[in-house]
């Protein structure tokens, strides 16, 4: 059984629940995230759940990140955003292009007000959502506005969908095969 956690209490609960592997995802990651950085979270989780293997997630796109994760005590990394920009990934081409174009400041966290924060690449939807989130709009309206947006991004519309991707998108400059990424 594998558990993905965004904080230390979740990691301890996962260990107590019989986890075989725990994935510690920092706020740099894409998609739904917590509020603590990978650099701080990973060693805390490793120390708290030993001897359960821990994978680090959130901000990893190459071998340098793997080396850093191993030095933090992780047993490996989980890379999501890097594999979105792979030949085998079946997201629409424009989603991949947005990852390749991303700079260091091109991701933001939305869905805060509904208490399910997610890191996405800035686009029309994300900026409109963030603007509405800052206003006095009900959680129900925000939930309705966000519904189906990942599917939309993956299948049809890179402007109207939620382009979930981590901060490491700023490191990715090419689409490669999964094999080449791993090598």
N, C-alpha and C. Protein backbone atom coordinates (compact mmCIF):
# COMPACT_ATOMS: atom_id res chain seq x y z
N UNK A 1 0.85 -1.17 0.00
CA UNK A 1 0.00 0.00 0.00
C UNK A 1 0.90 1.23 0.00
N UNK A 2 0.60 2.17 -0.89
CA UNK A 2 1.36 3.41 -1.02
C UNK A 2 0.48 4.58 -0.62
N UNK A 3 1.05 5.49 0.16
CA UNK A 3 0.34 6.71 0.56
C UNK A 3 1.14 7.92 0.11
N UNK A 4 0.46 8.93 -0.45
CA UNK A 4 1.10 10.21 -0.73
C UNK A 4 0.69 11.16 0.38
N UNK A 5 1.68 11.84 0.96
CA UNK A 5 1.42 12.74 2.08
C UNK A 5 2.02 14.11 1.80
N UNK A 6 1.40 15.13 2.40
CA UNK A 6 1.87 16.50 2.26
C UNK A 6 2.34 17.10 3.58
N UNK A 7 2.31 16.28 4.63
CA UNK A 7 2.71 16.79 5.94
C UNK A 7 3.09 15.64 6.86
N UNK A 8 3.74 15.97 7.94
CA UNK A 8 4.22 14.98 8.88
C UNK A 8 3.09 14.19 9.56
N UNK A 9 2.01 14.82 10.03
CA UNK A 9 0.94 14.04 10.65
C UNK A 9 0.36 12.98 9.70
N UNK A 10 0.22 13.34 8.42
CA UNK A 10 -0.27 12.37 7.43
C UNK A 10 0.70 11.21 7.27
N UNK A 11 1.99 11.51 7.31
CA UNK A 11 3.02 10.47 7.15
C UNK A 11 2.96 9.48 8.32
N UNK A 12 2.83 9.99 9.52
CA UNK A 12 2.76 9.13 10.70
C UNK A 12 1.50 8.27 10.64
N UNK A 13 0.38 8.87 10.24
CA UNK A 13 -0.86 8.13 10.11
C UNK A 13 -0.73 7.04 9.04
N UNK A 14 -0.07 7.36 7.92
CA UNK A 14 0.14 6.37 6.86
C UNK A 14 0.99 5.21 7.36
N UNK A 15 2.04 5.52 8.11
CA UNK A 15 2.91 4.47 8.66
C UNK A 15 2.11 3.59 9.62
N UNK A 16 1.32 4.21 10.48
CA UNK A 16 0.49 3.46 11.43
C UNK A 16 -0.58 2.62 10.74
N UNK A 17 -0.94 3.01 9.52
CA UNK A 17 -1.97 2.29 8.75
C UNK A 17 -1.40 1.15 7.92
N UNK A 18 -0.07 0.94 8.01
CA UNK A 18 0.54 -0.18 7.31
C UNK A 18 1.11 0.13 5.95
N UNK A 19 1.51 1.37 5.71
CA UNK A 19 2.08 1.74 4.42
C UNK A 19 3.31 0.91 4.10
N UNK A 20 3.41 0.49 2.85
CA UNK A 20 4.62 -0.16 2.36
C UNK A 20 5.61 0.86 1.83
N UNK A 21 5.09 1.95 1.27
CA UNK A 21 5.88 3.05 0.73
C UNK A 21 5.12 4.33 1.02
N UNK A 22 5.86 5.39 1.36
CA UNK A 22 5.25 6.70 1.57
C UNK A 22 5.89 7.68 0.61
N UNK A 23 5.04 8.43 -0.10
CA UNK A 23 5.52 9.47 -1.01
C UNK A 23 5.31 10.80 -0.30
N UNK A 24 6.41 11.52 -0.06
CA UNK A 24 6.35 12.81 0.61
C UNK A 24 6.41 13.90 -0.47
N UNK A 25 5.28 14.57 -0.69
CA UNK A 25 5.22 15.59 -1.74
C UNK A 25 5.21 16.97 -1.15
N UNK A 26 6.22 17.75 -1.51
CA UNK A 26 6.31 19.14 -1.08
C UNK A 26 5.46 20.05 -1.94
N UNK A 27 5.36 21.29 -1.52
CA UNK A 27 4.51 22.27 -2.19
C UNK A 27 4.98 22.60 -3.60
N UNK A 28 6.21 22.25 -3.94
CA UNK A 28 6.71 22.52 -5.29
C UNK A 28 6.06 21.63 -6.34
N UNK A 29 5.43 20.57 -5.90
CA UNK A 29 4.85 19.60 -6.82
C UNK A 29 3.66 20.16 -7.59
N UNK A 30 3.28 19.44 -8.61
CA UNK A 30 2.12 19.79 -9.41
C UNK A 30 0.89 19.09 -8.87
N UNK A 31 -0.25 19.64 -9.21
CA UNK A 31 -1.50 19.06 -8.72
C UNK A 31 -1.71 19.43 -7.27
N UNK A 32 -2.40 18.58 -6.54
CA UNK A 32 -2.77 18.90 -5.16
C UNK A 32 -1.57 18.79 -4.24
N UNK A 33 -1.32 19.85 -3.50
CA UNK A 33 -0.11 20.00 -2.69
C UNK A 33 -0.43 20.48 -1.29
N UNK A 34 0.57 20.39 -0.43
CA UNK A 34 0.48 20.96 0.91
C UNK A 34 1.23 22.27 0.96
N UNK A 35 1.70 22.63 2.16
CA UNK A 35 2.32 23.94 2.34
C UNK A 35 3.76 23.89 2.81
N UNK A 36 4.38 22.73 2.88
CA UNK A 36 5.76 22.65 3.34
C UNK A 36 6.64 22.23 2.16
N UNK A 37 7.83 22.78 2.10
CA UNK A 37 8.73 22.50 0.97
C UNK A 37 9.24 21.07 1.02
N UNK A 38 9.57 20.57 -0.14
CA UNK A 38 10.11 19.22 -0.26
C UNK A 38 11.40 19.07 0.55
N UNK A 39 12.25 20.09 0.51
CA UNK A 39 13.54 20.03 1.23
C UNK A 39 13.35 19.84 2.73
N UNK A 40 12.31 20.39 3.29
CA UNK A 40 12.04 20.23 4.72
C UNK A 40 11.21 18.98 5.00
N UNK A 41 10.22 18.73 4.15
CA UNK A 41 9.29 17.63 4.39
C UNK A 41 9.96 16.27 4.31
N UNK A 42 10.77 16.05 3.30
CA UNK A 42 11.33 14.71 3.09
C UNK A 42 12.15 14.21 4.28
N UNK A 43 13.14 14.97 4.79
CA UNK A 43 13.88 14.42 5.92
C UNK A 43 13.03 14.23 7.18
N UNK A 44 12.01 15.08 7.37
CA UNK A 44 11.11 14.90 8.51
C UNK A 44 10.36 13.58 8.39
N UNK A 45 9.85 13.32 7.19
CA UNK A 45 9.09 12.09 6.97
C UNK A 45 10.01 10.88 7.08
N UNK A 46 11.18 10.95 6.47
CA UNK A 46 12.14 9.83 6.55
C UNK A 46 12.43 9.48 8.01
N UNK A 47 12.71 10.50 8.82
CA UNK A 47 13.01 10.26 10.23
C UNK A 47 11.82 9.69 11.00
N UNK A 48 10.62 10.15 10.64
CA UNK A 48 9.43 9.75 11.40
C UNK A 48 8.92 8.36 11.07
N UNK A 49 9.18 7.87 9.84
CA UNK A 49 8.55 6.61 9.43
C UNK A 49 9.54 5.47 9.21
N UNK A 50 10.82 5.70 9.45
CA UNK A 50 11.82 4.65 9.24
C UNK A 50 11.37 3.38 9.96
N UNK A 51 11.52 2.24 9.34
CA UNK A 51 12.27 1.90 8.13
C UNK A 51 11.43 1.86 6.85
N UNK A 52 10.23 2.43 6.85
CA UNK A 52 9.39 2.42 5.64
C UNK A 52 10.07 3.26 4.56
N UNK A 53 10.17 2.74 3.32
CA UNK A 53 10.77 3.51 2.23
C UNK A 53 9.97 4.77 1.93
N UNK A 54 10.70 5.84 1.62
CA UNK A 54 10.09 7.12 1.30
C UNK A 54 10.57 7.57 -0.08
N UNK A 55 9.61 7.96 -0.91
CA UNK A 55 9.93 8.60 -2.19
C UNK A 55 9.67 10.08 -2.04
N UNK A 56 10.55 10.90 -2.59
CA UNK A 56 10.38 12.34 -2.56
C UNK A 56 9.66 12.78 -3.84
N UNK A 57 8.72 13.69 -3.69
CA UNK A 57 7.99 14.23 -4.84
C UNK A 57 7.84 15.74 -4.66
N UNK A 58 7.81 16.43 -5.78
CA UNK A 58 7.64 17.88 -5.73
C UNK A 58 8.91 18.61 -6.09
N UNK A 59 9.09 18.88 -7.37
CA UNK A 59 10.24 19.66 -7.81
C UNK A 59 11.34 18.86 -8.48
N UNK A 60 11.09 17.62 -8.83
CA UNK A 60 12.14 16.77 -9.40
C UNK A 60 11.93 16.58 -10.90
N UNK A 61 12.99 16.87 -11.67
CA UNK A 61 12.89 16.75 -13.12
C UNK A 61 14.12 16.12 -13.75
N UNK A 62 15.16 15.89 -12.96
CA UNK A 62 16.39 15.34 -13.54
C UNK A 62 17.25 14.66 -12.46
N UNK A 63 18.40 14.20 -12.87
CA UNK A 63 19.30 13.48 -11.96
C UNK A 63 19.80 14.33 -10.80
N UNK A 64 19.93 15.62 -11.01
CA UNK A 64 20.36 16.49 -9.90
C UNK A 64 19.35 16.44 -8.77
N UNK A 65 18.07 16.46 -9.13
CA UNK A 65 17.02 16.36 -8.11
C UNK A 65 17.04 15.02 -7.41
N UNK A 66 17.27 13.95 -8.18
CA UNK A 66 17.38 12.62 -7.57
C UNK A 66 18.52 12.59 -6.56
N UNK A 67 19.67 13.14 -6.93
CA UNK A 67 20.82 13.17 -6.01
C UNK A 67 20.47 13.94 -4.74
N UNK A 68 19.76 15.05 -4.89
CA UNK A 68 19.36 15.83 -3.72
C UNK A 68 18.41 15.03 -2.83
N UNK A 69 17.44 14.36 -3.45
CA UNK A 69 16.47 13.57 -2.69
C UNK A 69 17.16 12.45 -1.92
N UNK A 70 18.09 11.79 -2.56
CA UNK A 70 18.83 10.72 -1.88
C UNK A 70 19.62 11.27 -0.70
N UNK A 71 20.17 12.47 -0.86
CA UNK A 71 20.93 13.06 0.25
C UNK A 71 20.03 13.46 1.41
N UNK A 72 18.73 13.65 1.13
CA UNK A 72 17.75 13.96 2.19
C UNK A 72 17.26 12.70 2.89
N UNK A 73 17.68 11.54 2.39
CA UNK A 73 17.29 10.28 3.02
C UNK A 73 16.21 9.52 2.27
N UNK A 74 15.70 10.10 1.17
CA UNK A 74 14.67 9.41 0.38
C UNK A 74 15.29 8.21 -0.33
N UNK A 75 14.43 7.26 -0.67
CA UNK A 75 14.87 6.07 -1.39
C UNK A 75 14.75 6.25 -2.90
N UNK A 76 14.16 7.33 -3.34
CA UNK A 76 13.98 7.62 -4.75
C UNK A 76 13.07 8.81 -4.90
N UNK A 77 12.68 9.09 -6.14
CA UNK A 77 11.79 10.22 -6.41
C UNK A 77 10.58 9.76 -7.23
N UNK A 78 9.54 10.54 -7.14
CA UNK A 78 8.38 10.39 -8.01
C UNK A 78 8.33 11.67 -8.83
N UNK A 79 8.38 11.53 -10.15
CA UNK A 79 8.34 12.69 -11.04
C UNK A 79 7.03 12.65 -11.82
N UNK A 80 6.25 13.69 -11.72
CA UNK A 80 5.01 13.77 -12.46
C UNK A 80 5.12 14.72 -13.64
N UNK A 81 5.47 15.97 -13.36
CA UNK A 81 5.53 16.98 -14.41
C UNK A 81 6.51 16.59 -15.51
N UNK A 82 7.66 16.04 -15.13
CA UNK A 82 8.66 15.65 -16.13
C UNK A 82 8.05 14.63 -17.11
N UNK A 83 7.24 13.71 -16.61
CA UNK A 83 6.65 12.70 -17.48
C UNK A 83 5.44 13.21 -18.25
N UNK A 84 4.86 14.33 -17.84
CA UNK A 84 3.83 14.96 -18.69
C UNK A 84 4.45 15.37 -20.02
N UNK A 85 5.71 15.78 -19.98
CA UNK A 85 6.44 16.18 -21.18
C UNK A 85 7.24 15.00 -21.72
N UNK A 86 6.59 13.87 -21.84
CA UNK A 86 7.22 12.69 -22.44
C UNK A 86 6.44 12.28 -23.69
N UNK A 87 7.11 11.57 -24.57
CA UNK A 87 6.48 11.12 -25.81
C UNK A 87 5.28 10.23 -25.53
N UNK A 88 5.36 9.44 -24.48
CA UNK A 88 4.30 8.48 -24.19
C UNK A 88 3.07 9.10 -23.53
N UNK A 89 3.21 10.26 -22.94
CA UNK A 89 2.09 10.88 -22.23
C UNK A 89 1.02 11.31 -23.22
N UNK A 90 -0.24 11.03 -22.89
CA UNK A 90 -1.33 11.25 -23.83
C UNK A 90 -2.11 12.54 -23.55
N UNK A 91 -1.49 13.52 -22.90
CA UNK A 91 -2.13 14.83 -22.79
C UNK A 91 -2.03 15.52 -24.15
N UNK A 92 -2.88 16.53 -24.37
CA UNK A 92 -2.82 17.24 -25.64
C UNK A 92 -1.46 17.93 -25.80
N UNK A 93 -1.06 18.13 -27.03
CA UNK A 93 0.26 18.72 -27.32
C UNK A 93 0.42 20.11 -26.71
N UNK A 94 -0.64 20.89 -26.66
CA UNK A 94 -0.54 22.24 -26.11
C UNK A 94 -0.20 22.21 -24.61
N UNK A 95 -0.67 21.20 -23.90
CA UNK A 95 -0.32 21.04 -22.48
C UNK A 95 1.20 20.86 -22.38
N UNK A 96 1.75 19.98 -23.19
CA UNK A 96 3.20 19.76 -23.19
C UNK A 96 3.95 21.04 -23.55
N UNK A 97 3.46 21.77 -24.54
CA UNK A 97 4.12 23.02 -24.95
C UNK A 97 4.13 24.03 -23.82
N UNK A 98 3.05 24.09 -23.05
CA UNK A 98 3.01 25.04 -21.92
C UNK A 98 4.04 24.67 -20.86
N UNK A 99 4.26 23.39 -20.66
CA UNK A 99 5.31 22.97 -19.71
C UNK A 99 6.67 23.41 -20.24
N UNK A 100 6.92 23.20 -21.51
CA UNK A 100 8.21 23.56 -22.10
C UNK A 100 8.46 25.06 -22.06
N UNK A 101 7.41 25.85 -22.17
CA UNK A 101 7.52 27.32 -22.16
C UNK A 101 7.62 27.89 -20.74
N UNK A 102 7.26 27.10 -19.75
CA UNK A 102 7.17 27.60 -18.38
C UNK A 102 8.51 28.12 -17.87
N UNK A 103 8.43 29.23 -17.17
CA UNK A 103 9.60 29.81 -16.49
C UNK A 103 9.45 29.55 -15.00
N UNK A 104 10.41 30.00 -14.24
CA UNK A 104 10.43 29.74 -12.81
C UNK A 104 9.21 30.27 -12.07
N UNK A 105 8.58 31.31 -12.55
CA UNK A 105 7.45 31.91 -11.83
C UNK A 105 6.10 31.65 -12.50
N UNK A 106 6.05 30.68 -13.38
CA UNK A 106 4.83 30.45 -14.14
C UNK A 106 3.85 29.45 -13.52
N UNK A 107 4.10 29.04 -12.30
CA UNK A 107 3.10 28.18 -11.63
C UNK A 107 2.55 28.93 -10.42
N UNK A 108 1.29 28.62 -10.14
CA UNK A 108 0.60 29.23 -8.99
C UNK A 108 -0.23 28.17 -8.31
N UNK A 109 -0.63 28.46 -7.09
CA UNK A 109 -1.49 27.55 -6.35
C UNK A 109 -2.90 28.13 -6.32
N UNK A 110 -3.85 27.31 -6.77
CA UNK A 110 -5.27 27.69 -6.75
C UNK A 110 -6.02 26.68 -5.88
N UNK A 111 -7.29 26.83 -5.76
CA UNK A 111 -8.17 25.97 -4.96
C UNK A 111 -7.87 26.08 -3.46
N UNK A 112 -7.29 27.21 -3.05
CA UNK A 112 -6.98 27.41 -1.62
C UNK A 112 -8.24 27.55 -0.78
N UNK A 113 -9.18 28.34 -1.27
CA UNK A 113 -10.38 28.64 -0.50
C UNK A 113 -11.24 27.40 -0.29
N UNK A 114 -11.14 26.42 -1.18
CA UNK A 114 -11.90 25.18 -1.02
C UNK A 114 -11.08 24.13 -0.28
N UNK A 115 -9.93 24.56 0.24
CA UNK A 115 -9.07 23.73 1.09
C UNK A 115 -8.55 22.47 0.38
N UNK A 116 -8.26 22.64 -0.92
CA UNK A 116 -7.69 21.54 -1.69
C UNK A 116 -6.68 22.14 -2.68
N UNK A 117 -5.63 22.80 -2.14
CA UNK A 117 -4.73 23.56 -3.00
C UNK A 117 -4.08 22.71 -4.09
N UNK A 118 -3.95 23.32 -5.28
CA UNK A 118 -3.34 22.63 -6.41
C UNK A 118 -2.43 23.60 -7.16
N UNK A 119 -1.24 23.11 -7.51
CA UNK A 119 -0.30 23.92 -8.29
C UNK A 119 -0.56 23.68 -9.77
N UNK A 120 -0.70 24.78 -10.50
CA UNK A 120 -0.97 24.75 -11.93
C UNK A 120 -0.09 25.76 -12.65
N UNK A 121 0.04 25.58 -13.96
CA UNK A 121 0.71 26.58 -14.78
C UNK A 121 -0.30 27.68 -15.06
N UNK A 122 0.16 28.93 -14.97
CA UNK A 122 -0.71 30.07 -15.23
C UNK A 122 -1.29 29.96 -16.64
N UNK A 123 -2.59 30.14 -16.71
CA UNK A 123 -3.30 30.24 -17.99
C UNK A 123 -4.56 31.05 -17.74
N UNK A 124 -5.40 31.16 -18.73
CA UNK A 124 -6.62 31.97 -18.60
C UNK A 124 -7.49 31.47 -17.45
N UNK A 125 -7.74 30.17 -17.40
CA UNK A 125 -8.58 29.62 -16.32
C UNK A 125 -7.98 29.91 -14.95
N UNK A 126 -6.69 29.62 -14.77
CA UNK A 126 -6.06 29.78 -13.45
C UNK A 126 -6.12 31.22 -12.96
N UNK A 127 -5.89 32.16 -13.85
CA UNK A 127 -5.90 33.56 -13.44
C UNK A 127 -7.33 34.02 -13.11
N UNK A 128 -8.31 33.58 -13.90
CA UNK A 128 -9.70 33.92 -13.60
C UNK A 128 -10.13 33.28 -12.28
N UNK A 129 -9.76 32.03 -12.07
CA UNK A 129 -10.13 31.33 -10.84
C UNK A 129 -9.51 32.04 -9.64
N UNK A 130 -8.22 32.35 -9.73
CA UNK A 130 -7.53 33.01 -8.63
C UNK A 130 -8.19 34.35 -8.30
N UNK A 131 -8.59 35.08 -9.32
CA UNK A 131 -9.28 36.36 -9.10
C UNK A 131 -10.59 36.15 -8.36
N UNK A 132 -11.35 35.15 -8.78
CA UNK A 132 -12.63 34.86 -8.12
C UNK A 132 -12.41 34.34 -6.70
N UNK A 133 -11.35 33.57 -6.52
CA UNK A 133 -11.03 33.01 -5.20
C UNK A 133 -10.71 34.13 -4.21
N UNK A 134 -10.11 35.19 -4.68
CA UNK A 134 -9.75 36.32 -3.82
C UNK A 134 -10.98 37.16 -3.45
N UNK A 135 -12.03 37.06 -4.25
CA UNK A 135 -13.27 37.79 -3.97
C UNK A 135 -14.13 36.97 -3.03
N UNK A 136 -15.23 37.53 -2.64
CA UNK A 136 -16.11 36.87 -1.69
C UNK A 136 -17.10 35.96 -2.42
N UNK A 137 -16.59 34.88 -2.99
CA UNK A 137 -17.42 33.92 -3.71
C UNK A 137 -17.51 32.66 -2.86
N UNK A 138 -18.64 32.05 -2.88
CA UNK A 138 -18.87 30.88 -2.02
C UNK A 138 -18.01 29.70 -2.46
N UNK A 139 -17.77 28.81 -1.51
CA UNK A 139 -17.02 27.58 -1.82
C UNK A 139 -17.76 26.75 -2.87
N UNK A 140 -19.08 26.73 -2.79
CA UNK A 140 -19.86 25.94 -3.75
C UNK A 140 -19.64 26.44 -5.17
N UNK A 141 -19.63 27.78 -5.35
CA UNK A 141 -19.40 28.35 -6.68
C UNK A 141 -17.99 28.05 -7.17
N UNK A 142 -17.01 28.11 -6.27
CA UNK A 142 -15.64 27.81 -6.65
C UNK A 142 -15.47 26.35 -7.02
N UNK A 143 -16.11 25.47 -6.27
CA UNK A 143 -16.05 24.03 -6.57
C UNK A 143 -16.65 23.78 -7.95
N UNK A 144 -17.77 24.39 -8.23
CA UNK A 144 -18.43 24.22 -9.53
C UNK A 144 -17.54 24.75 -10.66
N UNK A 145 -16.89 25.88 -10.42
CA UNK A 145 -16.02 26.47 -11.43
C UNK A 145 -14.82 25.57 -11.74
N UNK A 146 -14.30 24.88 -10.73
CA UNK A 146 -13.14 24.03 -10.91
C UNK A 146 -13.44 22.63 -11.42
N UNK A 147 -14.70 22.23 -11.36
CA UNK A 147 -15.07 20.86 -11.73
C UNK A 147 -14.75 20.55 -13.19
N UNK A 148 -14.04 19.44 -13.39
CA UNK A 148 -13.73 18.96 -14.74
C UNK A 148 -12.59 19.68 -15.44
N UNK A 149 -11.92 20.58 -14.77
CA UNK A 149 -10.89 21.40 -15.42
C UNK A 149 -9.61 20.64 -15.74
N UNK A 150 -9.24 19.63 -14.95
CA UNK A 150 -8.07 18.83 -15.29
C UNK A 150 -8.34 18.02 -16.55
N UNK A 151 -9.49 17.39 -16.61
CA UNK A 151 -9.86 16.60 -17.79
C UNK A 151 -9.87 17.49 -19.04
N UNK A 152 -10.38 18.69 -18.90
CA UNK A 152 -10.41 19.64 -20.01
C UNK A 152 -8.99 19.96 -20.49
N UNK A 153 -8.08 20.18 -19.56
CA UNK A 153 -6.69 20.47 -19.91
C UNK A 153 -6.03 19.30 -20.61
N UNK A 154 -6.28 18.11 -20.11
CA UNK A 154 -5.64 16.90 -20.64
C UNK A 154 -6.16 16.56 -22.04
N UNK A 155 -7.46 16.76 -22.26
CA UNK A 155 -8.09 16.27 -23.49
C UNK A 155 -8.36 17.32 -24.55
N UNK A 156 -8.52 18.61 -24.17
CA UNK A 156 -9.06 19.51 -25.18
C UNK A 156 -8.58 20.96 -25.17
N UNK A 157 -8.40 21.59 -24.01
CA UNK A 157 -8.24 23.04 -24.00
C UNK A 157 -7.23 23.49 -22.94
N UNK A 158 -6.07 23.94 -23.40
CA UNK A 158 -5.01 24.36 -22.49
C UNK A 158 -5.26 25.73 -21.88
N UNK A 159 -6.22 26.47 -22.40
CA UNK A 159 -6.55 27.77 -21.81
C UNK A 159 -7.68 27.67 -20.78
N UNK A 160 -8.62 26.77 -21.01
CA UNK A 160 -9.79 26.66 -20.12
C UNK A 160 -9.61 25.57 -19.07
N UNK A 161 -8.57 24.77 -19.17
CA UNK A 161 -8.35 23.68 -18.23
C UNK A 161 -7.34 24.04 -17.16
N UNK A 162 -7.26 23.20 -16.13
CA UNK A 162 -6.29 23.35 -15.05
C UNK A 162 -5.04 22.55 -15.43
N UNK A 163 -4.00 23.26 -15.84
CA UNK A 163 -2.74 22.64 -16.28
C UNK A 163 -1.89 22.30 -15.07
N UNK A 164 -2.22 21.22 -14.40
CA UNK A 164 -1.49 20.85 -13.19
C UNK A 164 -0.06 20.49 -13.55
N UNK A 165 0.87 21.18 -12.88
CA UNK A 165 2.30 20.97 -13.12
C UNK A 165 3.07 21.61 -11.98
N UNK A 166 4.22 21.04 -11.68
CA UNK A 166 5.04 21.55 -10.59
C UNK A 166 5.97 22.67 -11.00
N UNK A 167 6.62 23.24 -9.99
CA UNK A 167 7.58 24.31 -10.24
C UNK A 167 8.73 23.85 -11.12
N UNK A 168 8.99 22.57 -11.14
CA UNK A 168 10.10 22.04 -11.95
C UNK A 168 9.84 22.19 -13.44
N UNK A 169 8.63 22.59 -13.85
CA UNK A 169 8.37 22.83 -15.27
C UNK A 169 9.40 23.79 -15.84
N UNK A 170 9.88 24.71 -15.03
CA UNK A 170 10.90 25.65 -15.46
C UNK A 170 12.23 25.01 -15.82
N UNK A 171 12.41 23.75 -15.47
CA UNK A 171 13.63 23.01 -15.81
C UNK A 171 13.48 22.17 -17.09
N UNK A 172 12.27 22.01 -17.56
CA UNK A 172 12.00 21.08 -18.65
C UNK A 172 11.98 21.84 -19.98
N UNK A 173 12.84 21.44 -20.90
CA UNK A 173 12.96 22.15 -22.17
C UNK A 173 12.71 21.29 -23.39
N UNK A 174 12.43 19.99 -23.18
CA UNK A 174 12.20 19.13 -24.33
C UNK A 174 11.29 17.96 -23.96
N UNK A 175 10.66 17.42 -24.99
CA UNK A 175 9.85 16.23 -24.84
C UNK A 175 10.75 15.06 -25.18
N UNK A 176 10.86 14.12 -24.25
CA UNK A 176 11.71 12.94 -24.44
C UNK A 176 10.89 11.69 -24.23
N UNK A 177 11.47 10.57 -24.63
CA UNK A 177 10.83 9.30 -24.30
C UNK A 177 10.98 9.05 -22.80
N UNK A 178 10.07 8.29 -22.25
CA UNK A 178 10.16 7.93 -20.83
C UNK A 178 11.49 7.23 -20.55
N UNK A 179 11.92 6.41 -21.47
CA UNK A 179 13.20 5.71 -21.30
C UNK A 179 14.36 6.69 -21.16
N UNK A 180 14.39 7.70 -22.04
CA UNK A 180 15.47 8.70 -21.97
C UNK A 180 15.41 9.52 -20.68
N UNK A 181 14.21 9.81 -20.22
CA UNK A 181 14.06 10.55 -18.96
C UNK A 181 14.65 9.74 -17.81
N UNK A 182 14.32 8.47 -17.75
CA UNK A 182 14.81 7.62 -16.67
C UNK A 182 16.32 7.44 -16.77
N UNK A 183 16.82 7.23 -17.96
CA UNK A 183 18.29 7.08 -18.12
C UNK A 183 18.99 8.35 -17.74
